[in-house]
Amino acid sequence: MNWIIVAGVITVITVVAIVGQRKGWVDFSWNQRRRGGSMTIADEAFNPTRYEAQVEMDRQSILPAPAPLPGDDDKGVYRGTIRIKI
């Protein structure tokens, strides 16, 4: 009888984790692009302010290159002719 309870608890935890991953509530992806390792999940659950601050800091530190302005020199990037085929 005890194994049914344990199996039920494990099933409920698994279903909640899968639904949370699909809904975007938690992120179990473990990618190297994110910093924090295994504590990221704990920070997200128990200290959401710190987690949101870390996400914002990552977003601000990884910015795309600024778009070129019309008055900028080409700096040797565009050599030759440009053909646009329609």
PDB file of N, CA and C in Angstrom:
ATOM      1  N   MET A   1       0.818  -1.191   0.000  1.00  0.00           N
ATOM      2  CA  MET A   1       0.000   0.000   0.000  1.00  0.00           C
ATOM      3  C   MET A   1       0.865   1.261   0.000  1.00  0.00           C
ATOM      4  N   ASN A   2       2.019   1.225   0.693  1.00  0.00           N
ATOM      5  CA  ASN A   2       2.874   2.393   0.758  1.00  0.00           C
ATOM      6  C   ASN A   2       3.485   2.717  -0.599  1.00  0.00           C
ATOM      7  N   TRP A   3       3.749   1.722  -1.409  1.00  0.00           N
ATOM      8  CA  TRP A   3       4.341   1.985  -2.714  1.00  0.00           C
ATOM      9  C   TRP A   3       3.371   2.710  -3.626  1.00  0.00           C
ATOM     10  N   ILE A   4       2.055   2.529  -3.423  1.00  0.00           N
ATOM     11  CA  ILE A   4       1.057   3.248  -4.219  1.00  0.00           C
ATOM     12  C   ILE A   4       1.102   4.736  -3.886  1.00  0.00           C
ATOM     13  N   ILE A   5       1.261   5.059  -2.627  1.00  0.00           N
ATOM     14  CA  ILE A   5       1.350   6.460  -2.205  1.00  0.00           C
ATOM     15  C   ILE A   5       2.612   7.104  -2.773  1.00  0.00           C
ATOM     16  N   VAL A   6       3.730   6.415  -2.690  1.00  0.00           N
ATOM     17  CA  VAL A   6       4.990   6.941  -3.222  1.00  0.00           C
ATOM     18  C   VAL A   6       4.886   7.129  -4.739  1.00  0.00           C
ATOM     19  N   ALA A   7       4.327   6.156  -5.422  1.00  0.00           N
ATOM     20  CA  ALA A   7       4.161   6.267  -6.871  1.00  0.00           C
ATOM     21  C   ALA A   7       3.219   7.410  -7.232  1.00  0.00           C
ATOM     22  N   GLY A   8       2.179   7.611  -6.440  1.00  0.00           N
ATOM     23  CA  GLY A   8       1.244   8.715  -6.684  1.00  0.00           C
ATOM     24  C   GLY A   8       1.901  10.072  -6.498  1.00  0.00           C
ATOM     25  N   VAL A   9       2.718  10.210  -5.454  1.00  0.00           N
ATOM     26  CA  VAL A   9       3.419  11.472  -5.200  1.00  0.00           C
ATOM     27  C   VAL A   9       4.415  11.756  -6.324  1.00  0.00           C
ATOM     28  N   ILE A  10       5.158  10.750  -6.752  1.00  0.00           N
ATOM     29  CA  ILE A  10       6.117  10.925  -7.841  1.00  0.00           C
ATOM     30  C   ILE A  10       5.390  11.306  -9.136  1.00  0.00           C
ATOM     31  N   THR A  11       4.245  10.688  -9.387  1.00  0.00           N
ATOM     32  CA  THR A  11       3.467  11.004 -10.588  1.00  0.00           C
ATOM     33  C   THR A  11       2.956  12.443 -10.549  1.00  0.00           C
ATOM     34  N   VAL A  12       2.460  12.880  -9.413  1.00  0.00           N
ATOM     35  CA  VAL A  12       1.959  14.251  -9.283  1.00  0.00           C
ATOM     36  C   VAL A  12       3.093  15.257  -9.467  1.00  0.00           C
ATOM     37  N   ILE A  13       4.245  15.005  -8.878  1.00  0.00           N
ATOM     38  CA  ILE A  13       5.392  15.913  -9.029  1.00  0.00           C
ATOM     39  C   ILE A  13       5.838  15.967 -10.484  1.00  0.00           C
ATOM     40  N   THR A  14       5.860  14.830 -11.156  1.00  0.00           N
ATOM     41  CA  THR A  14       6.260  14.789 -12.566  1.00  0.00           C
ATOM     42  C   THR A  14       5.278  15.557 -13.443  1.00  0.00           C
ATOM     43  N   VAL A  15       3.988  15.363 -13.207  1.00  0.00           N
ATOM     44  CA  VAL A  15       2.973  16.068 -14.007  1.00  0.00           C
ATOM     45  C   VAL A  15       3.054  17.569 -13.764  1.00  0.00           C
ATOM     46  N   VAL A  16       3.227  17.998 -12.525  1.00  0.00           N
ATOM     47  CA  VAL A  16       3.343  19.426 -12.223  1.00  0.00           C
ATOM     48  C   VAL A  16       4.594  20.009 -12.871  1.00  0.00           C
ATOM     49  N   ALA A  17       5.694  19.273 -12.868  1.00  0.00           N
ATOM     50  CA  ALA A  17       6.924  19.754 -13.503  1.00  0.00           C
ATOM     51  C   ALA A  17       6.754  19.887 -15.016  1.00  0.00           C
ATOM     52  N   ILE A  18       6.107  18.915 -15.642  1.00  0.00           N
ATOM     53  CA  ILE A  18       5.900  18.972 -17.092  1.00  0.00           C
ATOM     54  C   ILE A  18       4.971  20.126 -17.467  1.00  0.00           C
ATOM     55  N   VAL A  19       3.882  20.290 -16.722  1.00  0.00           N
ATOM     56  CA  VAL A  19       2.958  21.388 -16.998  1.00  0.00           C
ATOM     57  C   VAL A  19       3.640  22.726 -16.741  1.00  0.00           C
ATOM     58  N   GLY A  20       4.418  22.829 -15.685  1.00  0.00           N
ATOM     59  CA  GLY A  20       5.139  24.067 -15.396  1.00  0.00           C
ATOM     60  C   GLY A  20       6.146  24.413 -16.471  1.00  0.00           C
ATOM     61  N   GLN A  21       6.816  23.419 -17.015  1.00  0.00           N
ATOM     62  CA  GLN A  21       7.770  23.651 -18.109  1.00  0.00           C
ATOM     63  C   GLN A  21       7.042  24.131 -19.357  1.00  0.00           C
ATOM     64  N   ARG A  22       5.932  23.513 -19.687  1.00  0.00           N
ATOM     65  CA  ARG A  22       5.188  23.888 -20.897  1.00  0.00           C
ATOM     66  C   ARG A  22       4.542  25.267 -20.772  1.00  0.00           C
ATOM     67  N   LYS A  23       4.063  25.610 -19.577  1.00  0.00           N
ATOM     68  CA  LYS A  23       3.421  26.912 -19.370  1.00  0.00           C
ATOM     69  C   LYS A  23       4.438  28.036 -19.209  1.00  0.00           C
ATOM     70  N   GLY A  24       5.706  27.695 -18.955  1.00  0.00           N
ATOM     71  CA  GLY A  24       6.731  28.710 -18.785  1.00  0.00           C
ATOM     72  C   GLY A  24       6.900  29.169 -17.350  1.00  0.00           C
ATOM     73  N   TRP A  25       6.335  28.458 -16.399  1.00  0.00           N
ATOM     74  CA  TRP A  25       6.471  28.834 -14.999  1.00  0.00           C
ATOM     75  C   TRP A  25       7.874  28.564 -14.493  1.00  0.00           C
ATOM     76  N   VAL A  26       8.475  27.470 -14.923  1.00  0.00           N
ATOM     77  CA  VAL A  26       9.836  27.105 -14.532  1.00  0.00           C
ATOM     78  C   VAL A  26      10.607  26.701 -15.773  1.00  0.00           C
ATOM     79  N   ASP A  27      11.928  26.684 -15.653  1.00  0.00           N
ATOM     80  CA  ASP A  27      12.770  26.333 -16.787  1.00  0.00           C
ATOM     81  C   ASP A  27      13.752  25.258 -16.343  1.00  0.00           C
ATOM     82  N   PHE A  28      13.581  24.064 -16.847  1.00  0.00           N
ATOM     83  CA  PHE A  28      14.454  22.948 -16.517  1.00  0.00           C
ATOM     84  C   PHE A  28      15.437  22.650 -17.634  1.00  0.00           C
ATOM     85  N   SER A  29      15.768  23.631 -18.467  1.00  0.00           N
ATOM     86  CA  SER A  29      16.527  23.359 -19.682  1.00  0.00           C
ATOM     87  C   SER A  29      18.016  23.121 -19.429  1.00  0.00           C
ATOM     88  N   TRP A  30      18.620  23.618 -18.388  1.00  0.00           N
ATOM     89  CA  TRP A  30      20.013  23.389 -18.028  1.00  0.00           C
ATOM     90  C   TRP A  30      20.989  23.775 -19.124  1.00  0.00           C
ATOM     91  N   ASN A  31      20.654  24.745 -19.958  1.00  0.00           N
ATOM     92  CA  ASN A  31      21.558  25.185 -21.020  1.00  0.00           C
ATOM     93  C   ASN A  31      22.743  25.938 -20.443  1.00  0.00           C
ATOM     94  N   GLN A  32      23.860  25.895 -21.150  1.00  0.00           N
ATOM     95  CA  GLN A  32      25.054  26.599 -20.693  1.00  0.00           C
ATOM     96  C   GLN A  32      24.930  28.108 -20.873  1.00  0.00           C
ATOM     97  N   ARG A  33      23.986  28.562 -21.714  1.00  0.00           N
ATOM     98  CA  ARG A  33      23.847  29.988 -21.929  1.00  0.00           C
ATOM     99  C   ARG A  33      23.306  30.692 -20.691  1.00  0.00           C
ATOM    100  N   ARG A  34      22.640  29.948 -19.836  1.00  0.00           N
ATOM    101  CA  ARG A  34      22.134  30.538 -18.601  1.00  0.00           C
ATOM    102  C   ARG A  34      23.110  30.281 -17.476  1.00  0.00           C
ATOM    103  N   ARG A  35      23.271  31.264 -16.634  1.00  0.00           N
ATOM    104  CA  ARG A  35      24.168  31.110 -15.491  1.00  0.00           C
ATOM    105  C   ARG A  35      23.366  30.696 -14.269  1.00  0.00           C
ATOM    106  N   GLY A  36      23.994  30.023 -13.338  1.00  0.00           N
ATOM    107  CA  GLY A  36      23.334  29.706 -12.099  1.00  0.00           C
ATOM    108  C   GLY A  36      23.336  28.232 -11.769  1.00  0.00           C
ATOM    109  N   GLY A  37      23.419  27.372 -12.750  1.00  0.00           N
ATOM    110  CA  GLY A  37      23.471  25.949 -12.483  1.00  0.00           C
ATOM    111  C   GLY A  37      22.187  25.434 -11.873  1.00  0.00           C
ATOM    112  N   SER A  38      22.324  24.543 -10.908  1.00  0.00           N
ATOM    113  CA  SER A  38      21.154  23.910 -10.318  1.00  0.00           C
ATOM    114  C   SER A  38      20.408  24.824  -9.362  1.00  0.00           C
ATOM    115  N   MET A  39      21.036  25.888  -8.894  1.00  0.00           N
ATOM    116  CA  MET A  39      20.361  26.789  -7.966  1.00  0.00           C
ATOM    117  C   MET A  39      19.388  27.731  -8.673  1.00  0.00           C
ATOM    118  N   THR A  40      19.391  27.751  -9.998  1.00  0.00           N
ATOM    119  CA  THR A  40      18.485  28.631 -10.726  1.00  0.00           C
ATOM    120  C   THR A  40      17.036  28.264 -10.443  1.00  0.00           C
ATOM    121  N   ILE A  41      16.742  26.979 -10.372  1.00  0.00           N
ATOM    122  CA  ILE A  41      15.380  26.542 -10.100  1.00  0.00           C
ATOM    123  C   ILE A  41      14.976  26.945  -8.684  1.00  0.00           C
ATOM    124  N   ALA A  42      15.874  26.787  -7.726  1.00  0.00           N
ATOM    125  CA  ALA A  42      15.562  27.171  -6.353  1.00  0.00           C
ATOM    126  C   ALA A  42      15.375  28.677  -6.248  1.00  0.00           C
ATOM    127  N   ASP A  43      16.204  29.466  -6.933  1.00  0.00           N
ATOM    128  CA  ASP A  43      16.038  30.920  -6.909  1.00  0.00           C
ATOM    129  C   ASP A  43      14.722  31.323  -7.547  1.00  0.00           C
ATOM    130  N   GLU A  44      14.367  30.654  -8.622  1.00  0.00           N
ATOM    131  CA  GLU A  44      13.123  30.995  -9.304  1.00  0.00           C
ATOM    132  C   GLU A  44      11.916  30.703  -8.416  1.00  0.00           C
ATOM    133  N   ALA A  45      11.983  29.643  -7.635  1.00  0.00           N
ATOM    134  CA  ALA A  45      10.850  29.257  -6.807  1.00  0.00           C
ATOM    135  C   ALA A  45      10.794  30.019  -5.487  1.00  0.00           C
ATOM    136  N   PHE A  46      11.952  30.179  -4.818  1.00  0.00           N
ATOM    137  CA  PHE A  46      11.942  30.715  -3.470  1.00  0.00           C
ATOM    138  C   PHE A  46      12.403  32.160  -3.360  1.00  0.00           C
ATOM    139  N   ASN A  47      13.034  32.693  -4.386  1.00  0.00           N
ATOM    140  CA  ASN A  47      13.488  34.074  -4.356  1.00  0.00           C
ATOM    141  C   ASN A  47      13.295  34.674  -5.754  1.00  0.00           C
ATOM    142  N   PRO A  48      12.034  34.910  -6.165  1.00  0.00           N
ATOM    143  CA  PRO A  48      11.781  35.350  -7.532  1.00  0.00           C
ATOM    144  C   PRO A  48      12.359  36.719  -7.856  1.00  0.00           C
ATOM    145  N   THR A  49      12.517  37.590  -6.859  1.00  0.00           N
ATOM    146  CA  THR A  49      13.089  38.912  -7.122  1.00  0.00           C
ATOM    147  C   THR A  49      14.529  38.791  -7.572  1.00  0.00           C
ATOM    148  N   ARG A  50      15.300  37.946  -6.919  1.00  0.00           N
ATOM    149  CA  ARG A  50      16.697  37.738  -7.311  1.00  0.00           C
ATOM    150  C   ARG A  50      16.777  37.101  -8.694  1.00  0.00           C
ATOM    151  N   TYR A  51      15.900  36.154  -8.957  1.00  0.00           N
ATOM    152  CA  TYR A  51      15.892  35.494 -10.263  1.00  0.00           C
ATOM    153  C   TYR A  51      15.564  36.495 -11.366  1.00  0.00           C
ATOM    154  N   GLU A  52      14.542  37.326 -11.165  1.00  0.00           N
ATOM    155  CA  GLU A  52      14.180  38.321 -12.177  1.00  0.00           C
ATOM    156  C   GLU A  52      15.299  39.339 -12.376  1.00  0.00           C
ATOM    157  N   ALA A  53      15.999  39.710 -11.293  1.00  0.00           N
ATOM    158  CA  ALA A  53      17.125  40.632 -11.417  1.00  0.00           C
ATOM    159  C   ALA A  53      18.252  39.993 -12.222  1.00  0.00           C
ATOM    160  N   GLN A  54      18.502  38.703 -12.026  1.00  0.00           N
ATOM    161  CA  GLN A  54      19.531  38.004 -12.796  1.00  0.00           C
ATOM    162  C   GLN A  54      19.162  37.916 -14.270  1.00  0.00           C
ATOM    163  N   VAL A  55      17.901  37.650 -14.559  1.00  0.00           N
ATOM    164  CA  VAL A  55      17.447  37.588 -15.945  1.00  0.00           C
ATOM    165  C   VAL A  55      17.599  38.945 -16.610  1.00  0.00           C
ATOM    166  N   GLU A  56      17.226  40.014 -15.916  1.00  0.00           N
ATOM    167  CA  GLU A  56      17.364  41.359 -16.476  1.00  0.00           C
ATOM    168  C   GLU A  56      18.827  41.730 -16.675  1.00  0.00           C
ATOM    169  N   MET A  57      19.695  41.347 -15.748  1.00  0.00           N
ATOM    170  CA  MET A  57      21.125  41.631 -15.897  1.00  0.00           C
ATOM    171  C   MET A  57      21.698  40.879 -17.096  1.00  0.00           C
ATOM    172  N   ASP A  58      21.297  39.631 -17.287  1.00  0.00           N
ATOM    173  CA  ASP A  58      21.741  38.871 -18.459  1.00  0.00           C
ATOM    174  C   ASP A  58      21.240  39.512 -19.748  1.00  0.00           C
ATOM    175  N   ARG A  59      19.996  39.970 -19.732  1.00  0.00           N
ATOM    176  CA  ARG A  59      19.417  40.583 -20.922  1.00  0.00           C
ATOM    177  C   ARG A  59      20.136  41.889 -21.273  1.00  0.00           C
ATOM    178  N   GLN A  60      20.521  42.665 -20.271  1.00  0.00           N
ATOM    179  CA  GLN A  60      21.196  43.933 -20.536  1.00  0.00           C
ATOM    180  C   GLN A  60      22.665  43.748 -20.891  1.00  0.00           C
ATOM    181  N   SER A  61      23.299  42.687 -20.424  1.00  0.00           N
ATOM    182  CA  SER A  61      24.712  42.500 -20.709  1.00  0.00           C
ATOM    183  C   SER A  61      24.945  41.875 -22.082  1.00  0.00           C
ATOM    184  N   ILE A  62      23.955  41.190 -22.626  1.00  0.00           N
ATOM    185  CA  ILE A  62      24.083  40.572 -23.944  1.00  0.00           C
ATOM    186  C   ILE A  62      23.202  41.356 -24.905  1.00  0.00           C
ATOM    187  N   LEU A  63      23.764  42.386 -25.498  1.00  0.00           N
ATOM    188  CA  LEU A  63      23.014  43.231 -26.422  1.00  0.00           C
ATOM    189  C   LEU A  63      23.496  43.007 -27.841  1.00  0.00           C
ATOM    190  N   PRO A  64      22.624  43.163 -28.804  1.00  0.00           N
ATOM    191  CA  PRO A  64      23.058  43.038 -30.196  1.00  0.00           C
ATOM    192  C   PRO A  64      23.892  44.252 -30.602  1.00  0.00           C
ATOM    193  N   ALA A  65      24.632  44.103 -31.675  1.00  0.00           N
ATOM    194  CA  ALA A  65      25.429  45.212 -32.193  1.00  0.00           C
ATOM    195  C   ALA A  65      24.491  46.297 -32.706  1.00  0.00           C
ATOM    196  N   PRO A  66      24.869  47.563 -32.535  1.00  0.00           N
ATOM    197  CA  PRO A  66      23.989  48.633 -32.999  1.00  0.00           C
ATOM    198  C   PRO A  66      23.882  48.629 -34.527  1.00  0.00           C
ATOM    199  N   ALA A  67      22.736  49.024 -35.006  1.00  0.00           N
ATOM    200  CA  ALA A  67      22.508  49.071 -36.450  1.00  0.00           C
ATOM    201  C   ALA A  67      23.317  50.209 -37.061  1.00  0.00           C
ATOM    202  N   PRO A  68      23.824  50.024 -38.279  1.00  0.00           N
ATOM    203  CA  PRO A  68      24.582  51.106 -38.906  1.00  0.00           C
ATOM    204  C   PRO A  68      23.674  52.276 -39.274  1.00  0.00           C
ATOM    205  N   LEU A  69      24.216  53.477 -39.165  1.00  0.00           N
ATOM    206  CA  LEU A  69      23.485  54.689 -39.515  1.00  0.00           C
ATOM    207  C   LEU A  69      23.822  55.096 -40.935  1.00  0.00           C
ATOM    208  N   PRO A  70      22.946  55.859 -41.581  1.00  0.00           N
ATOM    209  CA  PRO A  70      23.217  56.245 -42.969  1.00  0.00           C
ATOM    210  C   PRO A  70      24.498  57.054 -43.142  1.00  0.00           C
ATOM    211  N   GLY A  71      24.927  57.811 -42.164  1.00  0.00           N
ATOM    212  CA  GLY A  71      26.120  58.637 -42.295  1.00  0.00           C
ATOM    213  C   GLY A  71      27.413  57.917 -41.968  1.00  0.00           C
ATOM    214  N   ASP A  72      27.359  56.688 -41.489  1.00  0.00           N
ATOM    215  CA  ASP A  72      28.574  55.950 -41.135  1.00  0.00           C
ATOM    216  C   ASP A  72      29.337  55.531 -42.383  1.00  0.00           C
ATOM    217  N   ASP A  73      30.645  55.414 -42.235  1.00  0.00           N
ATOM    218  CA  ASP A  73      31.443  54.877 -43.330  1.00  0.00           C
ATOM    219  C   ASP A  73      31.166  53.390 -43.461  1.00  0.00           C
ATOM    220  N   ASP A  74      31.438  52.848 -44.653  1.00  0.00           N
ATOM    221  CA  ASP A  74      31.204  51.423 -44.849  1.00  0.00           C
ATOM    222  C   ASP A  74      32.301  50.569 -44.226  1.00  0.00           C
ATOM    223  N   LYS A  75      33.447  51.144 -43.917  1.00  0.00           N
ATOM    224  CA  LYS A  75      34.549  50.463 -43.224  1.00  0.00           C
ATOM    225  C   LYS A  75      34.966  49.183 -43.946  1.00  0.00           C
ATOM    226  N   GLY A  76      34.873  49.188 -45.284  1.00  0.00           N
ATOM    227  CA  GLY A  76      35.332  48.047 -46.055  1.00  0.00           C
ATOM    228  C   GLY A  76      34.391  46.870 -46.049  1.00  0.00           C
ATOM    229  N   VAL A  77      33.191  47.038 -45.525  1.00  0.00           N
ATOM    230  CA  VAL A  77      32.257  45.924 -45.460  1.00  0.00           C
ATOM    231  C   VAL A  77      31.616  45.681 -46.824  1.00  0.00           C
ATOM    232  N   TYR A  78      31.210  46.759 -47.500  1.00  0.00           N
ATOM    233  CA  TYR A  78      30.507  46.643 -48.767  1.00  0.00           C
ATOM    234  C   TYR A  78      31.466  46.972 -49.906  1.00  0.00           C
ATOM    235  N   ARG A  79      32.149  45.988 -50.414  1.00  0.00           N
ATOM    236  CA  ARG A  79      33.052  46.160 -51.540  1.00  0.00           C
ATOM    237  C   ARG A  79      32.381  45.589 -52.792  1.00  0.00           C
ATOM    238  N   GLY A  80      32.494  46.305 -53.879  1.00  0.00           N
ATOM    239  CA  GLY A  80      31.898  45.816 -55.116  1.00  0.00           C
ATOM    240  C   GLY A  80      30.477  46.286 -55.275  1.00  0.00           C
ATOM    241  N   THR A  81      29.723  45.558 -56.069  1.00  0.00           N
ATOM    242  CA  THR A  81      28.348  45.944 -56.344  1.00  0.00           C
ATOM    243  C   THR A  81      27.381  45.042 -55.600  1.00  0.00           C
ATOM    244  N   ILE A  82      26.209  45.580 -55.433  1.00  0.00           N
ATOM    245  CA  ILE A  82      25.149  44.831 -54.771  1.00  0.00           C
ATOM    246  C   ILE A  82      24.053  44.578 -55.796  1.00  0.00           C
ATOM    247  N   ARG A  83      23.651  43.349 -55.939  1.00  0.00           N
ATOM    248  CA  ARG A  83      22.591  42.997 -56.875  1.00  0.00           C
ATOM    249  C   ARG A  83      21.391  42.500 -56.101  1.00  0.00           C
ATOM    250  N   ILE A  84      20.257  43.049 -56.428  1.00  0.00           N
ATOM    251  CA  ILE A  84      19.010  42.612 -55.809  1.00  0.00           C
ATOM    252  C   ILE A  84      18.202  41.920 -56.889  1.00  0.00           C
ATOM    253  N   LYS A  85      17.949  40.650 -56.705  1.00  0.00           N
ATOM    254  CA  LYS A  85      17.175  39.876 -57.677  1.00  0.00           C
ATOM    255  C   LYS A  85      15.723  39.788 -57.195  1.00  0.00           C
ATOM    256  N   ILE A  86      14.832  40.094 -58.106  1.00  0.00           N
ATOM    257  CA  ILE A  86      13.416  40.079 -57.752  1.00  0.00           C
ATOM    258  C   ILE A  86      12.771  38.857 -58.400  1.00  0.00           C
TER     259      ILE A  86
END
